[in-house]
């Protein structure tokens, strides 16, 4: 499902116009991105959690040049589905 398809579906279910729904979805996504980028986790009960994971420092190899390099510790965004979401998908 694309964002446009999501906007159409929500507009059909709620009766609101598509531009309002698009603005709401964009605002929600922007707030989630900002929160996760700031190191805060976002918990949506029944859906899941948007969290920040920390990858530890590691030594990587460039096999073409036969050299080693250190990849520093870094953060990545992650999504962990909730129990109800997982149960619904497994049906």
PDB file of N, CA and C in Angstrom:
ATOM      1  N   UNK A   1       0.841  -1.178   0.000  1.00  0.00           N
ATOM      2  CA  UNK A   1       0.000   0.000   0.000  1.00  0.00           C
ATOM      3  C   UNK A   1       0.885   1.238   0.000  1.00  0.00           C
ATOM      4  N   UNK A   2       0.598   2.139  -0.882  1.00  0.00           N
ATOM      5  CA  UNK A   2       1.345   3.388  -0.956  1.00  0.00           C
ATOM      6  C   UNK A   2       0.666   4.447  -0.078  1.00  0.00           C
ATOM      7  N   UNK A   3       1.350   5.575   0.093  1.00  0.00           N
ATOM      8  CA  UNK A   3       0.778   6.654   0.892  1.00  0.00           C
ATOM      9  C   UNK A   3      -0.518   7.154   0.251  1.00  0.00           C
ATOM     10  N   UNK A   4      -0.538   7.259  -1.070  1.00  0.00           N
ATOM     11  CA  UNK A   4      -1.744   7.715  -1.771  1.00  0.00           C
ATOM     12  C   UNK A   4      -2.910   6.754  -1.548  1.00  0.00           C
ATOM     13  N   UNK A   5      -2.624   5.465  -1.591  1.00  0.00           N
ATOM     14  CA  UNK A   5      -3.672   4.469  -1.345  1.00  0.00           C
ATOM     15  C   UNK A   5      -4.165   4.546   0.097  1.00  0.00           C
ATOM     16  N   UNK A   6      -3.258   4.790   1.026  1.00  0.00           N
ATOM     17  CA  UNK A   6      -3.638   4.946   2.431  1.00  0.00           C
ATOM     18  C   UNK A   6      -4.533   6.167   2.609  1.00  0.00           C
ATOM     19  N   UNK A   7      -4.174   7.274   1.973  1.00  0.00           N
ATOM     20  CA  UNK A   7      -4.984   8.496   2.050  1.00  0.00           C
ATOM     21  C   UNK A   7      -6.374   8.229   1.485  1.00  0.00           C
ATOM     22  N   UNK A   8      -6.456   7.566   0.346  1.00  0.00           N
ATOM     23  CA  UNK A   8      -7.757   7.248  -0.247  1.00  0.00           C
ATOM     24  C   UNK A   8      -8.596   6.376   0.673  1.00  0.00           C
ATOM     25  N   UNK A   9      -7.985   5.356   1.261  1.00  0.00           N
ATOM     26  CA  UNK A   9      -8.708   4.435   2.147  1.00  0.00           C
ATOM     27  C   UNK A   9      -9.233   5.150   3.382  1.00  0.00           C
ATOM     28  N   UNK A  10      -8.385   5.970   4.019  1.00  0.00           N
ATOM     29  CA  UNK A  10      -8.809   6.696   5.214  1.00  0.00           C
ATOM     30  C   UNK A  10      -9.891   7.712   4.864  1.00  0.00           C
ATOM     31  N   UNK A  11      -9.773   8.359   3.712  1.00  0.00           N
ATOM     32  CA  UNK A  11     -10.791   9.318   3.279  1.00  0.00           C
ATOM     33  C   UNK A  11     -12.135   8.634   3.070  1.00  0.00           C
ATOM     34  N   UNK A  12     -12.124   7.443   2.489  1.00  0.00           N
ATOM     35  CA  UNK A  12     -13.366   6.688   2.307  1.00  0.00           C
ATOM     36  C   UNK A  12     -13.976   6.275   3.644  1.00  0.00           C
ATOM     37  N   UNK A  13     -13.132   5.848   4.582  1.00  0.00           N
ATOM     38  CA  UNK A  13     -13.630   5.356   5.872  1.00  0.00           C
ATOM     39  C   UNK A  13     -14.116   6.476   6.787  1.00  0.00           C
ATOM     40  N   UNK A  14     -13.505   7.666   6.682  1.00  0.00           N
ATOM     41  CA  UNK A  14     -13.855   8.743   7.605  1.00  0.00           C
ATOM     42  C   UNK A  14     -14.772   9.794   7.003  1.00  0.00           C
ATOM     43  N   UNK A  15     -14.771   9.942   5.692  1.00  0.00           N
ATOM     44  CA  UNK A  15     -15.589  10.959   5.054  1.00  0.00           C
ATOM     45  C   UNK A  15     -14.911  12.314   4.951  1.00  0.00           C
ATOM     46  N   UNK A  16     -13.682  12.435   5.431  1.00  0.00           N
ATOM     47  CA  UNK A  16     -12.938  13.688   5.302  1.00  0.00           C
ATOM     48  C   UNK A  16     -12.324  13.775   3.914  1.00  0.00           C
ATOM     49  N   UNK A  17     -11.990  15.009   3.510  1.00  0.00           N
ATOM     50  CA  UNK A  17     -11.388  15.164   2.187  1.00  0.00           C
ATOM     51  C   UNK A  17      -9.925  14.693   2.207  1.00  0.00           C
ATOM     52  N   UNK A  18      -9.437  14.360   1.031  1.00  0.00           N
ATOM     53  CA  UNK A  18      -8.107  13.761   0.904  1.00  0.00           C
ATOM     54  C   UNK A  18      -6.983  14.697   1.327  1.00  0.00           C
ATOM     55  N   UNK A  19      -7.126  15.994   1.089  1.00  0.00           N
ATOM     56  CA  UNK A  19      -6.051  16.923   1.467  1.00  0.00           C
ATOM     57  C   UNK A  19      -5.899  16.999   2.979  1.00  0.00           C
ATOM     58  N   UNK A  20      -7.010  16.957   3.701  1.00  0.00           N
ATOM     59  CA  UNK A  20      -6.950  16.957   5.165  1.00  0.00           C
ATOM     60  C   UNK A  20      -6.279  15.690   5.672  1.00  0.00           C
ATOM     61  N   UNK A  21      -6.670  14.558   5.116  1.00  0.00           N
ATOM     62  CA  UNK A  21      -6.083  13.272   5.524  1.00  0.00           C
ATOM     63  C   UNK A  21      -4.598  13.253   5.210  1.00  0.00           C
ATOM     64  N   UNK A  22      -4.211  13.738   4.029  1.00  0.00           N
ATOM     65  CA  UNK A  22      -2.798  13.770   3.653  1.00  0.00           C
ATOM     66  C   UNK A  22      -2.004  14.639   4.624  1.00  0.00           C
ATOM     67  N   UNK A  23      -2.546  15.793   4.993  1.00  0.00           N
ATOM     68  CA  UNK A  23      -1.862  16.673   5.946  1.00  0.00           C
ATOM     69  C   UNK A  23      -1.700  16.010   7.305  1.00  0.00           C
ATOM     70  N   UNK A  24      -2.721  15.287   7.749  1.00  0.00           N
ATOM     71  CA  UNK A  24      -2.649  14.597   9.035  1.00  0.00           C
ATOM     72  C   UNK A  24      -1.595  13.497   8.994  1.00  0.00           C
ATOM     73  N   UNK A  25      -1.594  12.693   7.934  1.00  0.00           N
ATOM     74  CA  UNK A  25      -0.623  11.603   7.815  1.00  0.00           C
ATOM     75  C   UNK A  25       0.795  12.153   7.736  1.00  0.00           C
ATOM     76  N   UNK A  26       0.996  13.213   6.948  1.00  0.00           N
ATOM     77  CA  UNK A  26       2.318  13.843   6.843  1.00  0.00           C
ATOM     78  C   UNK A  26       2.784  14.365   8.202  1.00  0.00           C
ATOM     79  N   UNK A  27       1.866  14.986   8.963  1.00  0.00           N
ATOM     80  CA  UNK A  27       2.218  15.528  10.273  1.00  0.00           C
ATOM     81  C   UNK A  27       2.585  14.406  11.248  1.00  0.00           C
ATOM     82  N   UNK A  28       1.842  13.314  11.222  1.00  0.00           N
ATOM     83  CA  UNK A  28       2.138  12.176  12.105  1.00  0.00           C
ATOM     84  C   UNK A  28       3.505  11.591  11.767  1.00  0.00           C
ATOM     85  N   UNK A  29       3.766  11.398  10.482  1.00  0.00           N
ATOM     86  CA  UNK A  29       5.055  10.830  10.082  1.00  0.00           C
ATOM     87  C   UNK A  29       6.202  11.766  10.443  1.00  0.00           C
ATOM     88  N   UNK A  30       6.017  13.061  10.266  1.00  0.00           N
ATOM     89  CA  UNK A  30       7.066  14.024  10.612  1.00  0.00           C
ATOM     90  C   UNK A  30       7.341  14.014  12.110  1.00  0.00           C
ATOM     91  N   UNK A  31       6.287  13.928  12.922  1.00  0.00           N
ATOM     92  CA  UNK A  31       6.470  13.892  14.379  1.00  0.00           C
ATOM     93  C   UNK A  31       7.167  12.610  14.824  1.00  0.00           C
ATOM     94  N   UNK A  32       6.822  11.487  14.201  1.00  0.00           N
ATOM     95  CA  UNK A  32       7.484  10.221  14.538  1.00  0.00           C
ATOM     96  C   UNK A  32       8.959  10.290  14.162  1.00  0.00           C
ATOM     97  N   UNK A  33       9.267  10.793  12.967  1.00  0.00           N
ATOM     98  CA  UNK A  33      10.668  10.913  12.536  1.00  0.00           C
ATOM     99  C   UNK A  33      11.464  11.815  13.466  1.00  0.00           C
ATOM    100  N   UNK A  34      10.877  12.950  13.845  1.00  0.00           N
ATOM    101  CA  UNK A  34      11.575  13.897  14.720  1.00  0.00           C
ATOM    102  C   UNK A  34      11.820  13.281  16.090  1.00  0.00           C
ATOM    103  N   UNK A  35      10.828  12.607  16.638  1.00  0.00           N
ATOM    104  CA  UNK A  35      10.979  11.986  17.954  1.00  0.00           C
ATOM    105  C   UNK A  35      12.062  10.912  17.954  1.00  0.00           C
ATOM    106  N   UNK A  36      12.042  10.042  16.946  1.00  0.00           N
ATOM    107  CA  UNK A  36      13.043   8.973  16.872  1.00  0.00           C
ATOM    108  C   UNK A  36      14.433   9.555  16.636  1.00  0.00           C
ATOM    109  N   UNK A  37      14.526  10.603  15.801  1.00  0.00           N
ATOM    110  CA  UNK A  37      15.816  11.251  15.556  1.00  0.00           C
ATOM    111  C   UNK A  37      16.363  11.910  16.822  1.00  0.00           C
ATOM    112  N   UNK A  38      15.461  12.380  17.691  1.00  0.00           N
ATOM    113  CA  UNK A  38      15.875  12.995  18.954  1.00  0.00           C
ATOM    114  C   UNK A  38      16.164  11.969  20.048  1.00  0.00           C
ATOM    115  N   UNK A  39      16.039  10.690  19.725  1.00  0.00           N
ATOM    116  CA  UNK A  39      16.346   9.639  20.694  1.00  0.00           C
ATOM    117  C   UNK A  39      15.161   9.183  21.518  1.00  0.00           C
ATOM    118  N   UNK A  40      13.969   9.684  21.228  1.00  0.00           N
ATOM    119  CA  UNK A  40      12.767   9.271  21.945  1.00  0.00           C
ATOM    120  C   UNK A  40      12.107   8.113  21.200  1.00  0.00           C
ATOM    121  N   UNK A  41      11.576   7.165  21.944  1.00  0.00           N
ATOM    122  CA  UNK A  41      10.821   6.078  21.336  1.00  0.00           C
ATOM    123  C   UNK A  41       9.362   6.495  21.218  1.00  0.00           C
ATOM    124  N   UNK A  42       8.683   5.991  20.180  1.00  0.00           N
ATOM    125  CA  UNK A  42       7.263   6.284  19.974  1.00  0.00           C
ATOM    126  C   UNK A  42       6.503   4.972  20.116  1.00  0.00           C
ATOM    127  N   UNK A  43       5.570   4.935  21.086  1.00  0.00           N
ATOM    128  CA  UNK A  43       4.801   3.728  21.361  1.00  0.00           C
ATOM    129  C   UNK A  43       3.354   3.946  20.941  1.00  0.00           C
ATOM    130  N   UNK A  44       2.858   3.120  20.020  1.00  0.00           N
ATOM    131  CA  UNK A  44       1.472   3.177  19.576  1.00  0.00           C
ATOM    132  C   UNK A  44       0.811   1.863  19.997  1.00  0.00           C
ATOM    133  N   UNK A  45       0.032   1.907  21.072  1.00  0.00           N
ATOM    134  CA  UNK A  45      -0.586   0.695  21.618  1.00  0.00           C
ATOM    135  C   UNK A  45      -1.406  -0.027  20.553  1.00  0.00           C
ATOM    136  N   UNK A  46      -1.227  -1.331  20.476  1.00  0.00           N
ATOM    137  CA  UNK A  46      -1.949  -2.141  19.511  1.00  0.00           C
ATOM    138  C   UNK A  46      -1.335  -2.150  18.125  1.00  0.00           C
ATOM    139  N   UNK A  47      -0.361  -1.291  17.896  1.00  0.00           N
ATOM    140  CA  UNK A  47       0.278  -1.232  16.580  1.00  0.00           C
ATOM    141  C   UNK A  47       1.740  -1.612  16.668  1.00  0.00           C
ATOM    142  N   UNK A  48       2.523  -0.835  17.438  1.00  0.00           N
ATOM    143  CA  UNK A  48       3.943  -1.144  17.572  1.00  0.00           C
ATOM    144  C   UNK A  48       4.724   0.047  18.090  1.00  0.00           C
ATOM    145  N   UNK A  49       6.039  -0.103  18.064  1.00  0.00           N
ATOM    146  CA  UNK A  49       6.927   0.925  18.591  1.00  0.00           C
ATOM    147  C   UNK A  49       7.979   1.299  17.556  1.00  0.00           C
ATOM    148  N   UNK A  50       8.213   2.590  17.429  1.00  0.00           N
ATOM    149  CA  UNK A  50       9.308   3.099  16.619  1.00  0.00           C
ATOM    150  C   UNK A  50      10.432   3.425  17.593  1.00  0.00           C
ATOM    151  N   UNK A  51      11.556   2.741  17.462  1.00  0.00           N
ATOM    152  CA  UNK A  51      12.643   2.876  18.427  1.00  0.00           C
ATOM    153  C   UNK A  51      13.954   3.186  17.721  1.00  0.00           C
ATOM    154  N   UNK A  52      14.920   3.603  18.508  1.00  0.00           N
ATOM    155  CA  UNK A  52      16.264   3.838  18.005  1.00  0.00           C
ATOM    156  C   UNK A  52      17.161   2.724  18.531  1.00  0.00           C
ATOM    157  N   UNK A  53      17.816   2.023  17.625  1.00  0.00           N
ATOM    158  CA  UNK A  53      18.758   0.979  18.019  1.00  0.00           C
ATOM    159  C   UNK A  53      20.172   1.512  17.859  1.00  0.00           C
ATOM    160  N   UNK A  54      21.063   1.067  18.731  1.00  0.00           N
ATOM    161  CA  UNK A  54      22.462   1.478  18.664  1.00  0.00           C
ATOM    162  C   UNK A  54      23.278   0.296  18.163  1.00  0.00           C
ATOM    163  N   UNK A  55      23.971   0.497  17.072  1.00  0.00           N
ATOM    164  CA  UNK A  55      24.875  -0.525  16.538  1.00  0.00           C
ATOM    165  C   UNK A  55      26.252  -0.295  17.141  1.00  0.00           C
ATOM    166  N   UNK A  56      26.835  -1.320  17.686  1.00  0.00           N
ATOM    167  CA  UNK A  56      28.138  -1.214  18.335  1.00  0.00           C
ATOM    168  C   UNK A  56      29.247  -0.995  17.299  1.00  0.00           C
ATOM    169  N   UNK A  57      30.348  -0.450  17.773  1.00  0.00           N
ATOM    170  CA  UNK A  57      31.517  -0.276  16.915  1.00  0.00           C
ATOM    171  C   UNK A  57      32.026  -1.647  16.491  1.00  0.00           C
ATOM    172  N   UNK A  58      32.465  -1.753  15.247  1.00  0.00           N
ATOM    173  CA  UNK A  58      32.966  -3.043  14.768  1.00  0.00           C
ATOM    174  C   UNK A  58      34.067  -2.822  13.742  1.00  0.00           C
ATOM    175  N   UNK A  59      34.799  -3.876  13.495  1.00  0.00           N
ATOM    176  CA  UNK A  59      35.859  -3.849  12.492  1.00  0.00           C
ATOM    177  C   UNK A  59      35.308  -4.506  11.229  1.00  0.00           C
ATOM    178  N   UNK A  60      35.367  -3.782  10.121  1.00  0.00           N
ATOM    179  CA  UNK A  60      34.896  -4.302   8.844  1.00  0.00           C
ATOM    180  C   UNK A  60      36.087  -4.474   7.909  1.00  0.00           C
ATOM    181  N   UNK A  61      35.908  -5.331   6.898  1.00  0.00           N
ATOM    182  CA  UNK A  61      37.001  -5.569   5.958  1.00  0.00           C
ATOM    183  C   UNK A  61      36.580  -5.171   4.567  1.00  0.00           C
ATOM    184  N   UNK A  62      37.511  -4.521   3.850  1.00  0.00           N
ATOM    185  CA  UNK A  62      37.350  -4.233   2.443  1.00  0.00           C
ATOM    186  C   UNK A  62      38.123  -5.323   1.713  1.00  0.00           C
ATOM    187  N   UNK A  63      37.410  -6.313   1.196  1.00  0.00           N
ATOM    188  CA  UNK A  63      38.104  -7.478   0.632  1.00  0.00           C
ATOM    189  C   UNK A  63      38.788  -7.165  -0.695  1.00  0.00           C
ATOM    190  N   UNK A  64      38.366  -6.124  -1.404  1.00  0.00           N
ATOM    191  CA  UNK A  64      39.032  -5.795  -2.664  1.00  0.00           C
ATOM    192  C   UNK A  64      40.411  -5.193  -2.431  1.00  0.00           C
ATOM    193  N   UNK A  65      40.552  -4.398  -1.363  1.00  0.00           N
ATOM    194  CA  UNK A  65      41.843  -3.787  -1.048  1.00  0.00           C
ATOM    195  C   UNK A  65      42.582  -4.526   0.059  1.00  0.00           C
ATOM    196  N   UNK A  66      41.926  -5.540   0.627  1.00  0.00           N
ATOM    197  CA  UNK A  66      42.502  -6.338   1.707  1.00  0.00           C
ATOM    198  C   UNK A  66      42.926  -5.453   2.899  1.00  0.00           C
ATOM    199  N   UNK A  67      42.003  -4.557   3.294  1.00  0.00           N
ATOM    200  CA  UNK A  67      42.269  -3.679   4.431  1.00  0.00           C
ATOM    201  C   UNK A  67      41.129  -3.790   5.435  1.00  0.00           C
ATOM    202  N   UNK A  68      41.419  -3.393   6.651  1.00  0.00           N
ATOM    203  CA  UNK A  68      40.406  -3.359   7.703  1.00  0.00           C
ATOM    204  C   UNK A  68      40.099  -1.912   8.052  1.00  0.00           C
ATOM    205  N   UNK A  69      38.883  -1.669   8.452  1.00  0.00           N
ATOM    206  CA  UNK A  69      38.498  -0.330   8.878  1.00  0.00           C
ATOM    207  C   UNK A  69      37.530  -0.442  10.038  1.00  0.00           C
ATOM    208  N   UNK A  70      37.478   0.584  10.850  1.00  0.00           N
ATOM    209  CA  UNK A  70      36.604   0.593  12.008  1.00  0.00           C
ATOM    210  C   UNK A  70      35.326   1.353  11.646  1.00  0.00           C
ATOM    211  N   UNK A  71      34.193   0.686  11.843  1.00  0.00           N
ATOM    212  CA  UNK A  71      32.895   1.332  11.650  1.00  0.00           C
ATOM    213  C   UNK A  71      32.465   1.800  13.043  1.00  0.00           C
ATOM    214  N   UNK A  72      32.322   3.111  13.239  1.00  0.00           N
ATOM    215  CA  UNK A  72      31.996   3.611  14.574  1.00  0.00           C
ATOM    216  C   UNK A  72      30.575   3.244  15.004  1.00  0.00           C
ATOM    217  N   UNK A  73      30.336   3.355  16.304  1.00  0.00           N
ATOM    218  CA  UNK A  73      29.005   3.125  16.834  1.00  0.00           C
ATOM    219  C   UNK A  73      28.044   4.116  16.189  1.00  0.00           C
ATOM    220  N   UNK A  74      26.853   3.633  15.815  1.00  0.00           N
ATOM    221  CA  UNK A  74      25.880   4.519  15.188  1.00  0.00           C
ATOM    222  C   UNK A  74      24.465   4.071  15.530  1.00  0.00           C
ATOM    223  N   UNK A  75      23.517   4.964  15.322  1.00  0.00           N
ATOM    224  CA  UNK A  75      22.114   4.694  15.631  1.00  0.00           C
ATOM    225  C   UNK A  75      21.343   4.456  14.339  1.00  0.00           C
ATOM    226  N   UNK A  76      20.349   3.559  14.420  1.00  0.00           N
ATOM    227  CA  UNK A  76      19.470   3.306  13.286  1.00  0.00           C
ATOM    228  C   UNK A  76      18.025   3.254  13.783  1.00  0.00           C
ATOM    229  N   UNK A  77      17.078   3.694  12.973  1.00  0.00           N
ATOM    230  CA  UNK A  77      15.674   3.578  13.366  1.00  0.00           C
ATOM    231  C   UNK A  77      15.188   2.149  13.161  1.00  0.00           C
ATOM    232  N   UNK A  78      14.243   1.735  13.999  1.00  0.00           N
ATOM    233  CA  UNK A  78      13.691   0.391  13.884  1.00  0.00           C
ATOM    234  C   UNK A  78      12.216   0.420  14.272  1.00  0.00           C
ATOM    235  N   UNK A  79      11.480  -0.554  13.788  1.00  0.00           N
ATOM    236  CA  UNK A  79      10.071  -0.707  14.144  1.00  0.00           C
ATOM    237  C   UNK A  79       9.882  -2.073  14.760  1.00  0.00           C
ATOM    238  N   UNK A  80       9.205  -2.116  15.904  1.00  0.00           N
ATOM    239  CA  UNK A  80       8.898  -3.382  16.559  1.00  0.00           C
ATOM    240  C   UNK A  80       7.377  -3.497  16.622  1.00  0.00           C
ATOM    241  N   UNK A  81       6.786  -4.450  15.892  1.00  0.00           N
ATOM    242  CA  UNK A  81       5.325  -4.568  15.894  1.00  0.00           C
ATOM    243  C   UNK A  81       4.799  -5.020  17.245  1.00  0.00           C
ATOM    244  N   UNK A  82       3.598  -4.561  17.582  1.00  0.00           N
ATOM    245  CA  UNK A  82       2.944  -4.957  18.820  1.00  0.00           C
ATOM    246  C   UNK A  82       2.367  -6.352  18.715  1.00  0.00           C
ATOM    247  N   UNK A  83       1.936  -6.876  19.858  1.00  0.00           N
ATOM    248  CA  UNK A  83       1.404  -8.234  19.894  1.00  0.00           C
ATOM    249  C   UNK A  83       0.165  -8.389  19.016  1.00  0.00           C
ATOM    250  N   UNK A  84      -0.768  -7.417  19.121  1.00  0.00           N
ATOM    251  CA  UNK A  84      -1.984  -7.513  18.336  1.00  0.00           C
ATOM    252  C   UNK A  84      -1.701  -7.438  16.844  1.00  0.00           C
ATOM    253  N   UNK A  85      -0.769  -6.570  16.461  1.00  0.00           N
ATOM    254  CA  UNK A  85      -0.370  -6.432  15.065  1.00  0.00           C
ATOM    255  C   UNK A  85       0.234  -7.739  14.563  1.00  0.00           C
ATOM    256  N   UNK A  86       1.127  -8.313  15.340  1.00  0.00           N
ATOM    257  CA  UNK A  86       1.758  -9.582  14.961  1.00  0.00           C
ATOM    258  C   UNK A  86       0.724 -10.693  14.855  1.00  0.00           C
ATOM    259  N   UNK A  87      -0.211 -10.741  15.804  1.00  0.00           N
ATOM    260  CA  UNK A  87      -1.245 -11.777  15.778  1.00  0.00           C
ATOM    261  C   UNK A  87      -2.134 -11.629  14.549  1.00  0.00           C
ATOM    262  N   UNK A  88      -2.446 -10.400  14.176  1.00  0.00           N
ATOM    263  CA  UNK A  88      -3.293 -10.152  13.007  1.00  0.00           C
ATOM    264  C   UNK A  88      -2.592 -10.594  11.723  1.00  0.00           C
ATOM    265  N   UNK A  89      -1.286 -10.358  11.622  1.00  0.00           N
ATOM    266  CA  UNK A  89      -0.539 -10.753  10.436  1.00  0.00           C
ATOM    267  C   UNK A  89      -0.415 -12.266  10.337  1.00  0.00           C
ATOM    268  N   UNK A  90      -0.300 -12.935  11.469  1.00  0.00           N
ATOM    269  CA  UNK A  90      -0.106 -14.393  11.482  1.00  0.00           C
ATOM    270  C   UNK A  90      -1.362 -15.166  11.143  1.00  0.00           C
ATOM    271  N   UNK A  91      -2.530 -14.530  11.144  1.00  0.00           N
ATOM    272  CA  UNK A  91      -3.786 -15.244  10.849  1.00  0.00           C
ATOM    273  C   UNK A  91      -3.777 -15.842   9.475  1.00  0.00           C
TER     274      UNK A  91
END
